[in-house]
Amino acid sequence: MAAGSAVLALAAVLALAAWLWRWRRVEAGGAGRVCVAVLGDLGRSPRMQYHALSLARHGRDVALLGYLQSRPHGDVLRSGRIRLVPVTDLWGLRVGPKLFQYVVKVVVQAVQLLYVMLKIDQPSYILLQNPPGLPAIAVAWLACRFWRSKLIIDWHNYGYTVMSLSHGRNHPLVQIAKWYEKLFGRLSDYNLCVTNAMKEDLWVNCNIKAVTLYDKPASYFKETPLELQHRLYMKLAEDYEPFKPRTESVSWSGEKSAFTEVDGSNGHVKKSRARPALLISSTSWTGKGPLKDYYNGLINKLHFKHIQICTPWLEAEDYPLLLGSADLGVCLHKSSSGLDLPMKVVDMFGCCLPVCAIHFQCLHELVKHNENGLIFRDSDELAAQLKMLFLEFPTLEGKLHSFRKNLRACKQLRWDESWDQTVLPLLGQNE
């Protein structure tokens, strides 16, 4: 079976690598250096960027390892203690059956990732995101054995449940991935996870003891001042029609957007009287998502009278500004395992932005129905919620305003405080 061959081939690669390097004697240490690794796009891995920034803030030198497809946040690029270590994204062999192609890709990725991890300066810790974990967990474990470092796995979800969305839970490849994830996951020294539900599941079903580190918004996720809102809208209006002013009698100028305008009498920015509501939808196909063209084709066939849909790609620094300018967020994230939480909602709450979110198993750990947002189960329920929330828009009354007031009053922990309380003690245990 090709799926089993992938694991056997991976084991052979790891055994060979261990034999080739066994003569090297490396002293434990690493001088406080940390390798933060994800076998994915660093620009789309905000939690791992946050880890890197927190480590740098505490004087650690960080090798941030992953694909460089999207630009990481400017704070990462400007940090003198964070070094980006690129990994080449492999598109795979296009010859033979798909399972054979997958086996080849896993083996080549294992060799490539091990080579990169053994080229960096010796780290004290390797902090690895999972998923994707095949072959990353096994390779990171071997690199830790070579460097005499500690392996920390940050469990965002289970890779085998993501795989099951395409193949079904009973597919042999999914079952092998599940076995692999449990086996190598238990070889880690420390484990972080994103929810208490996942923490319990890791212990009960995998015998893995983890510490819950909830996703928290970074300090730059906050309500956007009106002047910055106007500046952002004007920037977006250069490329996107929905941000341009709707009043036909007023000629297009640099003083007015669809949502804001400059008061001619005093030069101050104010919100337009008849402005539309700005709703941000969290999806996986917008921006540069692989299905963007497909869904844009469907959107173009719709003929709304009072609704405009825009799918922009934002710079990392503009994204929190847009969230902090919006009136409502909608989250369509459904967890493959039912054990992780949508980070987009965390960002929205950091900007005091109320949310309508689709229901799944542990969503209650984040979204409190009728307190900081609403939970829906189907499109009809969402439609009813949107109609109710925007009935008197833009008056500062009703549930939408109440939810925002609750978010302002809750004073939730930010990432830096949460990380210092949860992760920093783990790093201090052996140094």
Protein backbone atom coordinates (compact mmCIF):
# COMPACT_ATOMS: atom_id res chain seq x y z
CA MET A 1 0.00 0.00 0.00
CA ALA A 2 1.38 3.37 -1.03
CA ALA A 3 0.23 5.07 2.17
CA GLY A 4 2.13 2.60 4.30
CA SER A 5 5.11 2.95 2.02
CA ALA A 6 5.20 6.68 2.78
CA VAL A 7 5.68 6.03 6.48
CA LEU A 8 8.20 3.22 5.89
CA ALA A 9 10.17 5.39 3.49
CA LEU A 10 10.11 8.25 5.97
CA ALA A 11 11.36 5.92 8.72
CA ALA A 12 14.17 4.74 6.44
CA VAL A 13 15.18 8.34 5.70
CA LEU A 14 15.25 9.18 9.39
CA ALA A 15 17.21 6.07 10.29
CA LEU A 16 19.77 6.79 7.58
CA ALA A 17 20.12 10.39 8.72
CA ALA A 18 20.63 9.28 12.31
CA TRP A 19 23.32 6.80 11.22
CA LEU A 20 25.10 9.42 9.12
CA TRP A 21 25.25 11.86 12.01
CA ARG A 22 25.83 9.54 14.95
CA TRP A 23 29.56 10.22 15.00
CA ARG A 24 28.95 13.89 15.71
CA ARG A 25 28.87 14.72 19.41
CA VAL A 26 26.93 17.87 20.12
CA GLU A 27 26.81 19.33 23.58
CA ALA A 28 23.42 20.29 24.94
CA GLY A 29 22.86 24.00 24.96
CA GLY A 30 22.02 26.35 22.14
CA ALA A 31 22.69 29.56 24.06
CA GLY A 32 18.99 30.37 24.29
CA ARG A 33 18.39 30.12 20.55
CA VAL A 34 15.01 28.83 19.35
CA CYS A 35 13.90 27.47 15.99
CA VAL A 36 10.23 28.28 15.30
CA ALA A 37 9.12 26.07 12.43
CA VAL A 38 6.03 25.54 10.29
CA LEU A 39 5.88 23.49 7.11
CA GLY A 40 3.66 26.17 5.60
CA ASP A 41 3.55 29.81 4.55
CA LEU A 42 5.05 32.02 7.27
CA GLY A 43 3.01 35.03 6.14
CA ARG A 44 -0.18 33.05 6.82
CA SER A 45 1.03 31.67 10.14
CA PRO A 46 0.34 34.55 12.54
CA ARG A 47 0.55 32.47 15.71
CA MET A 48 4.07 31.29 14.85
CA GLN A 49 5.08 34.86 14.02
CA TYR A 50 3.74 35.88 17.43
CA HIS A 51 5.84 33.13 19.05
CA ALA A 52 8.92 34.44 17.28
CA LEU A 53 8.23 38.03 18.35
CA SER A 54 7.64 36.98 21.98
CA LEU A 55 10.87 35.01 22.05
CA ALA A 56 12.77 37.95 20.54
CA ARG A 57 11.21 40.29 23.10
CA HIS A 58 12.77 38.12 25.82
CA GLY A 59 16.22 38.22 24.24
CA ARG A 60 16.11 34.93 22.33
CA ASP A 61 17.62 34.63 18.86
CA VAL A 62 15.02 33.02 16.62
CA ALA A 63 15.31 31.07 13.38
CA LEU A 64 11.82 31.37 11.85
CA LEU A 65 11.61 28.50 9.41
CA GLY A 66 8.94 27.96 6.72
CA TYR A 67 7.74 28.87 3.24
CA LEU A 68 8.17 32.50 2.19
CA GLN A 69 5.12 32.80 -0.06
CA SER A 70 3.47 35.76 1.69
CA ARG A 71 5.20 38.67 3.38
CA PRO A 72 5.44 38.26 7.18
CA HIS A 73 4.40 41.11 9.43
CA GLY A 74 6.65 44.15 9.48
CA ASP A 75 7.49 43.64 13.16
CA VAL A 76 9.01 40.27 12.26
CA LEU A 77 10.98 41.71 9.36
CA ARG A 78 12.30 44.59 11.47
CA SER A 79 13.37 42.46 14.44
CA GLY A 80 17.11 42.14 14.77
CA ARG A 81 16.73 38.84 16.63
CA ILE A 82 14.57 37.01 14.08
CA ARG A 83 16.19 35.40 11.06
CA LEU A 84 13.96 34.03 8.31
CA VAL A 85 15.02 30.55 7.16
CA PRO A 86 13.27 29.75 3.87
CA VAL A 87 12.09 26.27 2.96
CA THR A 88 11.31 25.60 -0.69
CA ASP A 89 7.68 24.68 -1.29
CA LEU A 90 7.53 21.39 -3.22
CA TRP A 91 4.72 21.06 -5.73
CA GLY A 92 5.24 17.33 -5.97
CA LEU A 93 5.93 14.80 -8.68
CA ARG A 94 3.32 14.82 -11.47
CA VAL A 95 3.99 11.24 -12.60
CA GLY A 96 2.16 8.11 -11.47
CA PRO A 97 -0.79 7.58 -9.11
CA LYS A 98 -1.61 10.28 -6.57
CA LEU A 99 -0.60 8.12 -3.62
CA PHE A 100 2.78 7.48 -5.23
CA GLN A 101 3.19 11.23 -5.77
CA TYR A 102 2.34 11.79 -2.10
CA VAL A 103 4.95 9.24 -0.95
CA VAL A 104 7.64 10.92 -3.02
CA LYS A 105 6.68 14.35 -1.73
CA VAL A 106 6.78 13.23 1.93
CA VAL A 107 10.21 11.64 1.53
CA VAL A 108 11.69 14.62 -0.32
CA GLN A 109 10.19 17.02 2.23
CA ALA A 110 11.71 14.98 5.06
CA VAL A 111 15.19 15.13 3.55
CA GLN A 112 14.85 18.82 2.71
CA LEU A 113 13.49 19.83 6.13
CA LEU A 114 16.13 17.81 8.01
CA TYR A 115 18.88 19.41 5.92
CA VAL A 116 17.59 22.90 6.72
CA MET A 117 17.15 22.16 10.44
CA LEU A 118 20.69 20.82 10.71
CA LYS A 119 22.18 23.84 8.93
CA ILE A 120 20.91 26.43 11.43
CA ASP A 121 22.79 27.36 14.59
CA GLN A 122 22.17 24.90 17.40
CA PRO A 123 18.86 25.77 19.11
CA SER A 124 17.84 25.09 22.69
CA TYR A 125 14.29 24.41 21.49
CA ILE A 126 12.47 23.63 18.29
CA LEU A 127 8.92 24.99 18.45
CA LEU A 128 6.87 23.30 15.72
CA GLN A 129 3.38 24.00 14.47
CA ASN A 130 1.07 21.03 13.88
CA PRO A 131 -0.59 20.60 11.43
CA PRO A 132 1.04 20.08 9.04
CA GLY A 133 2.91 17.38 10.91
CA LEU A 134 3.79 14.80 8.26
CA PRO A 135 6.78 14.63 8.00
CA ALA A 136 7.56 17.69 10.15
CA ILE A 137 7.07 16.14 13.62
CA ALA A 138 9.35 13.18 12.94
CA VAL A 139 11.99 15.38 11.32
CA ALA A 140 11.91 17.93 14.14
CA TRP A 141 12.22 15.12 16.70
CA LEU A 142 15.29 13.76 14.91
CA ALA A 143 16.83 17.25 14.66
CA CYS A 144 16.28 17.67 18.41
CA ARG A 145 18.04 14.37 19.07
CA PHE A 146 20.97 15.54 16.98
CA TRP A 147 21.12 19.00 18.59
CA ARG A 148 20.20 17.67 22.05
CA SER A 149 17.42 20.24 22.05
CA LYS A 150 13.87 20.19 23.40
CA LEU A 151 10.89 19.72 21.07
CA ILE A 152 7.76 21.79 21.67
CA ILE A 153 4.72 21.04 19.52
CA ASP A 154 2.05 23.70 19.18
CA TRP A 155 -1.14 21.79 18.35
CA HIS A 156 -3.45 23.98 16.26
CA ASN A 157 -5.54 21.01 15.13
CA TYR A 158 -5.03 17.41 14.05
CA GLY A 159 -3.53 16.86 10.61
CA TYR A 160 -5.40 13.61 10.06
CA THR A 161 -8.79 15.32 10.55
CA VAL A 162 -7.86 17.94 7.94
CA MET A 163 -6.86 15.10 5.61
CA SER A 164 -10.18 13.34 6.27
CA LEU A 165 -12.07 16.25 4.71
CA SER A 166 -10.74 15.12 1.32
CA HIS A 167 -10.44 11.37 1.81
CA GLY A 168 -12.93 10.43 4.53
CA ARG A 169 -12.11 9.33 8.08
CA ASN A 170 -11.78 5.63 7.19
CA HIS A 171 -9.32 6.07 4.32
CA PRO A 172 -6.08 4.07 4.96
CA LEU A 173 -3.96 7.20 4.45
CA VAL A 174 -5.98 9.03 7.12
CA GLN A 175 -5.65 6.13 9.55
CA ILE A 176 -1.89 5.96 9.03
CA ALA A 177 -1.61 9.74 9.50
CA LYS A 178 -3.58 9.41 12.75
CA TRP A 179 -1.27 6.67 14.02
CA TYR A 180 1.81 8.68 13.00
CA GLU A 181 0.56 11.86 14.68
CA LYS A 182 -0.14 10.09 17.98
CA LEU A 183 3.16 8.15 17.95
CA PHE A 184 5.50 11.03 17.19
CA GLY A 185 3.43 13.53 19.13
CA ARG A 186 4.20 11.59 22.30
CA LEU A 187 7.94 12.01 21.66
CA SER A 188 7.80 15.77 22.24
CA ASP A 189 9.12 17.33 25.42
CA TYR A 190 6.37 19.94 25.81
CA ASN A 191 3.06 20.60 24.11
CA LEU A 192 0.89 23.65 23.62
CA CYS A 193 -2.66 23.65 22.27
CA VAL A 194 -5.32 26.20 21.37
CA THR A 195 -8.35 25.08 23.45
CA ASN A 196 -9.15 23.24 26.65
CA ALA A 197 -11.17 20.79 24.56
CA MET A 198 -8.03 19.90 22.59
CA LYS A 199 -6.00 19.70 25.80
CA GLU A 200 -8.42 17.09 27.16
CA ASP A 201 -8.53 15.17 23.88
CA LEU A 202 -4.73 15.04 23.64
CA TRP A 203 -4.55 13.56 27.13
CA VAL A 204 -7.45 11.10 26.84
CA ASN A 205 -6.83 9.82 23.31
CA CYS A 206 -3.09 10.39 22.79
CA ASN A 207 -1.63 10.33 26.32
CA ILE A 208 -0.09 13.74 25.58
CA LYS A 209 0.01 16.36 28.31
CA ALA A 210 -0.46 19.86 26.91
CA VAL A 211 -0.84 23.41 28.16
CA THR A 212 -3.61 25.57 26.69
CA LEU A 213 -2.35 28.76 25.09
CA TYR A 214 -5.41 30.48 23.69
CA ASP A 215 -4.97 32.57 20.59
CA LYS A 216 -4.95 36.19 21.70
CA PRO A 217 -4.84 39.33 19.59
CA ALA A 218 -1.56 41.14 19.16
CA SER A 219 -1.36 44.69 20.45
CA TYR A 220 -1.97 46.17 16.99
CA PHE A 221 -5.48 44.65 16.81
CA LYS A 222 -7.55 47.50 18.21
CA GLU A 223 -10.24 49.96 17.17
CA THR A 224 -8.97 52.15 14.34
CA PRO A 225 -9.06 55.96 14.82
CA LEU A 226 -11.30 57.76 12.34
CA GLU A 227 -8.40 59.50 10.57
CA LEU A 228 -6.68 56.16 9.94
CA GLN A 229 -9.96 54.67 8.76
CA HIS A 230 -10.31 57.42 6.18
CA ARG A 231 -6.72 56.98 5.03
CA LEU A 232 -7.26 53.22 4.61
CA TYR A 233 -10.54 53.65 2.74
CA MET A 234 -8.95 56.14 0.36
CA LYS A 235 -6.10 53.71 -0.30
CA LEU A 236 -8.48 50.83 -0.99
CA ALA A 237 -10.70 53.04 -3.16
CA GLU A 238 -7.85 53.33 -5.66
CA ASP A 239 -8.32 49.64 -6.57
CA TYR A 240 -11.74 48.57 -5.27
CA GLU A 241 -15.06 50.07 -6.38
CA PRO A 242 -17.02 49.43 -3.13
CA PHE A 243 -14.77 51.88 -1.24
CA LYS A 244 -15.51 54.78 -3.59
CA PRO A 245 -18.27 57.28 -2.66
CA ARG A 246 -21.76 56.45 -3.84
CA THR A 247 -23.20 59.96 -4.21
CA GLU A 248 -23.44 60.47 -7.94
CA SER A 249 -23.81 64.24 -7.69
CA VAL A 250 -20.41 64.58 -6.06
CA SER A 251 -17.41 64.18 -8.33
CA TRP A 252 -14.73 61.73 -7.24
CA SER A 253 -12.00 63.46 -5.22
CA GLY A 254 -9.52 62.63 -2.52
CA GLU A 255 -11.77 63.97 0.23
CA LYS A 256 -14.51 61.36 0.31
CA SER A 257 -14.83 57.57 0.52
CA ALA A 258 -17.88 55.33 0.76
CA PHE A 259 -17.68 55.50 4.56
CA THR A 260 -15.91 58.75 5.50
CA GLU A 261 -15.43 62.31 4.34
CA VAL A 262 -13.39 65.35 5.28
CA ASP A 263 -15.40 68.22 6.75
CA GLY A 264 -14.64 71.22 4.54
CA SER A 265 -15.18 73.69 7.39
CA ASN A 266 -12.53 72.37 9.77
CA GLY A 267 -10.63 69.62 7.91
CA HIS A 268 -11.71 66.92 10.37
CA VAL A 269 -12.72 63.43 9.22
CA LYS A 270 -16.28 62.34 9.90
CA LYS A 271 -18.36 59.31 9.00
CA SER A 272 -20.65 59.81 6.01
CA ARG A 273 -24.27 60.24 6.99
CA ALA A 274 -25.63 57.58 4.61
CA ARG A 275 -22.66 55.25 4.83
CA PRO A 276 -23.22 51.53 4.28
CA ALA A 277 -22.41 48.96 6.95
CA LEU A 278 -18.98 47.36 6.59
CA LEU A 279 -19.13 43.61 7.19
CA ILE A 280 -15.94 41.49 7.23
CA SER A 281 -16.34 37.81 6.39
CA SER A 282 -13.67 35.35 7.50
CA THR A 283 -13.26 32.72 4.79
CA SER A 284 -10.47 30.58 3.33
CA TRP A 285 -11.07 31.52 -0.31
CA THR A 286 -10.77 35.30 -0.29
CA GLY A 287 -7.56 37.30 -0.71
CA LYS A 288 -5.15 34.94 -2.46
CA GLY A 289 -7.02 31.76 -1.54
CA PRO A 290 -6.96 28.94 -4.13
CA LEU A 291 -10.73 29.17 -4.76
CA LYS A 292 -10.90 32.96 -5.09
CA ASP A 293 -11.48 32.95 -8.85
CA TYR A 294 -14.20 30.31 -8.56
CA TYR A 295 -16.14 32.21 -5.90
CA ASN A 296 -15.63 35.56 -7.61
CA GLY A 297 -17.29 33.99 -10.65
CA LEU A 298 -20.30 33.06 -8.52
CA ILE A 299 -20.39 36.52 -6.94
CA ASN A 300 -20.37 38.20 -10.36
CA LYS A 301 -23.54 36.30 -11.28
CA LEU A 302 -25.40 37.83 -8.33
CA HIS A 303 -27.30 41.05 -8.81
CA PHE A 304 -27.74 42.69 -5.43
CA LYS A 305 -29.39 46.08 -5.18
CA HIS A 306 -28.03 47.18 -1.79
CA ILE A 307 -25.00 44.92 -1.33
CA GLN A 308 -21.50 45.10 -2.77
CA ILE A 309 -18.95 42.31 -2.27
CA CYS A 310 -15.22 42.96 -2.31
CA THR A 311 -12.41 40.38 -2.00
CA PRO A 312 -9.23 42.43 -1.50
CA TRP A 313 -5.79 41.18 -0.59
CA LEU A 314 -4.45 43.32 2.26
CA GLU A 315 -0.94 43.99 3.44
CA ALA A 316 -0.31 42.57 6.91
CA GLU A 317 -0.32 46.06 8.45
CA ASP A 318 -3.64 47.02 6.78
CA TYR A 319 -5.59 43.97 7.92
CA PRO A 320 -5.97 45.01 11.60
CA LEU A 321 -6.84 48.55 10.48
CA LEU A 322 -9.73 47.20 8.37
CA LEU A 323 -10.99 44.99 11.21
CA GLY A 324 -10.84 47.98 13.55
CA SER A 325 -12.93 49.98 11.08
CA ALA A 326 -15.68 47.42 10.44
CA ASP A 327 -19.19 47.19 11.90
CA LEU A 328 -19.58 43.39 12.10
CA GLY A 329 -17.54 40.26 11.50
CA VAL A 330 -18.91 36.98 10.12
CA CYS A 331 -17.00 33.74 10.71
CA LEU A 332 -17.64 30.70 8.51
CA HIS A 333 -14.87 28.59 10.06
CA LYS A 334 -15.83 25.02 10.95
CA SER A 335 -13.15 22.94 12.62
CA SER A 336 -12.24 19.58 11.07
CA SER A 337 -11.69 18.19 14.58
CA GLY A 338 -14.15 20.39 16.46
CA LEU A 339 -11.29 21.22 18.83
CA ASP A 340 -9.70 24.41 17.49
CA LEU A 341 -10.95 28.00 17.38
CA PRO A 342 -10.94 30.54 14.52
CA MET A 343 -8.06 32.96 14.95
CA LYS A 344 -9.88 35.49 12.75
CA VAL A 345 -12.51 35.87 15.50
CA VAL A 346 -9.74 36.44 18.06
CA ASP A 347 -8.44 39.26 15.87
CA MET A 348 -11.94 40.70 15.51
CA PHE A 349 -12.51 40.68 19.26
CA GLY A 350 -9.17 42.43 19.72
CA CYS A 351 -10.62 45.21 17.56
CA CYS A 352 -13.85 45.19 19.63
CA LEU A 353 -15.67 43.95 16.52
CA PRO A 354 -18.84 41.89 17.24
CA VAL A 355 -19.13 38.58 15.39
CA CYS A 356 -21.72 36.25 13.93
CA ALA A 357 -20.10 32.78 13.88
CA ILE A 358 -21.24 29.40 12.62
CA HIS A 359 -21.68 26.82 15.37
CA PHE A 360 -19.28 23.96 16.09
CA GLN A 361 -18.24 21.91 19.10
CA CYS A 362 -16.02 24.18 21.21
CA LEU A 363 -16.93 27.61 19.81
CA HIS A 364 -18.39 28.53 23.22
CA GLU A 365 -14.82 28.87 24.55
CA LEU A 366 -14.56 32.03 22.45
CA VAL A 367 -17.93 33.35 21.25
CA LYS A 368 -20.52 34.00 23.95
CA HIS A 369 -23.95 34.06 22.32
CA ASN A 370 -25.81 37.32 22.93
CA GLU A 371 -22.79 38.73 24.79
CA ASN A 372 -20.00 39.42 22.29
CA GLY A 373 -21.79 38.16 19.21
CA LEU A 374 -24.27 35.64 17.84
CA ILE A 375 -23.98 31.98 16.84
CA PHE A 376 -25.87 30.62 13.84
CA ARG A 377 -26.34 27.14 12.39
CA ASP A 378 -27.48 27.81 8.82
CA SER A 379 -27.85 30.57 6.24
CA ASP A 380 -31.45 31.34 7.21
CA GLU A 381 -30.45 31.98 10.83
CA LEU A 382 -27.53 34.17 9.71
CA ALA A 383 -29.81 36.17 7.42
CA ALA A 384 -32.24 36.79 10.29
CA GLN A 385 -29.37 37.90 12.55
CA LEU A 386 -27.99 40.32 9.96
CA LYS A 387 -31.43 41.83 9.39
CA MET A 388 -31.93 42.30 13.12
CA LEU A 389 -28.47 43.78 13.77
CA PHE A 390 -28.57 46.27 10.89
CA LEU A 391 -32.25 47.24 11.13
CA GLU A 392 -31.56 50.72 12.55
CA PHE A 393 -28.00 51.14 11.23
CA PRO A 394 -26.06 53.39 11.72
CA THR A 395 -27.71 54.49 14.99
CA LEU A 396 -25.68 53.76 18.13
CA GLU A 397 -28.35 51.57 19.66
CA GLY A 398 -29.42 47.95 19.63
CA LYS A 399 -27.53 44.70 20.02
CA LEU A 400 -24.66 45.58 17.72
CA HIS A 401 -23.73 48.55 19.89
CA SER A 402 -24.30 46.48 23.06
CA PHE A 403 -21.94 43.72 21.87
CA ARG A 404 -19.24 46.29 21.11
CA LYS A 405 -19.62 47.84 24.56
CA ASN A 406 -19.23 44.39 26.14
CA LEU A 407 -16.05 43.76 24.14
CA ARG A 408 -14.62 47.11 25.21
CA ALA A 409 -15.39 46.38 28.84
CA CYS A 410 -14.02 42.82 29.00
CA LYS A 411 -10.34 43.92 28.78
CA GLN A 412 -9.16 40.55 27.48
CA LEU A 413 -5.55 39.48 27.76
CA ARG A 414 -3.32 40.29 24.82
CA TRP A 415 -0.91 37.82 23.28
CA ASP A 416 2.17 39.15 25.07
CA GLU A 417 0.65 38.81 28.57
CA SER A 418 -0.83 35.38 27.81
CA TRP A 419 2.44 34.11 26.31
CA ASP A 420 4.47 35.36 29.29
CA GLN A 421 2.16 33.56 31.70
CA THR A 422 1.97 30.28 29.76
CA VAL A 423 5.03 29.67 27.58
CA LEU A 424 7.82 31.57 29.31
CA PRO A 425 7.74 29.31 32.41
CA LEU A 426 8.21 26.26 30.14
CA LEU A 427 11.34 27.74 28.60
CA GLY A 428 12.78 28.55 32.00
CA GLN A 429 12.56 25.02 33.37
CA ASN A 430 15.83 23.84 31.87
CA GLU A 431 17.87 27.02 31.66
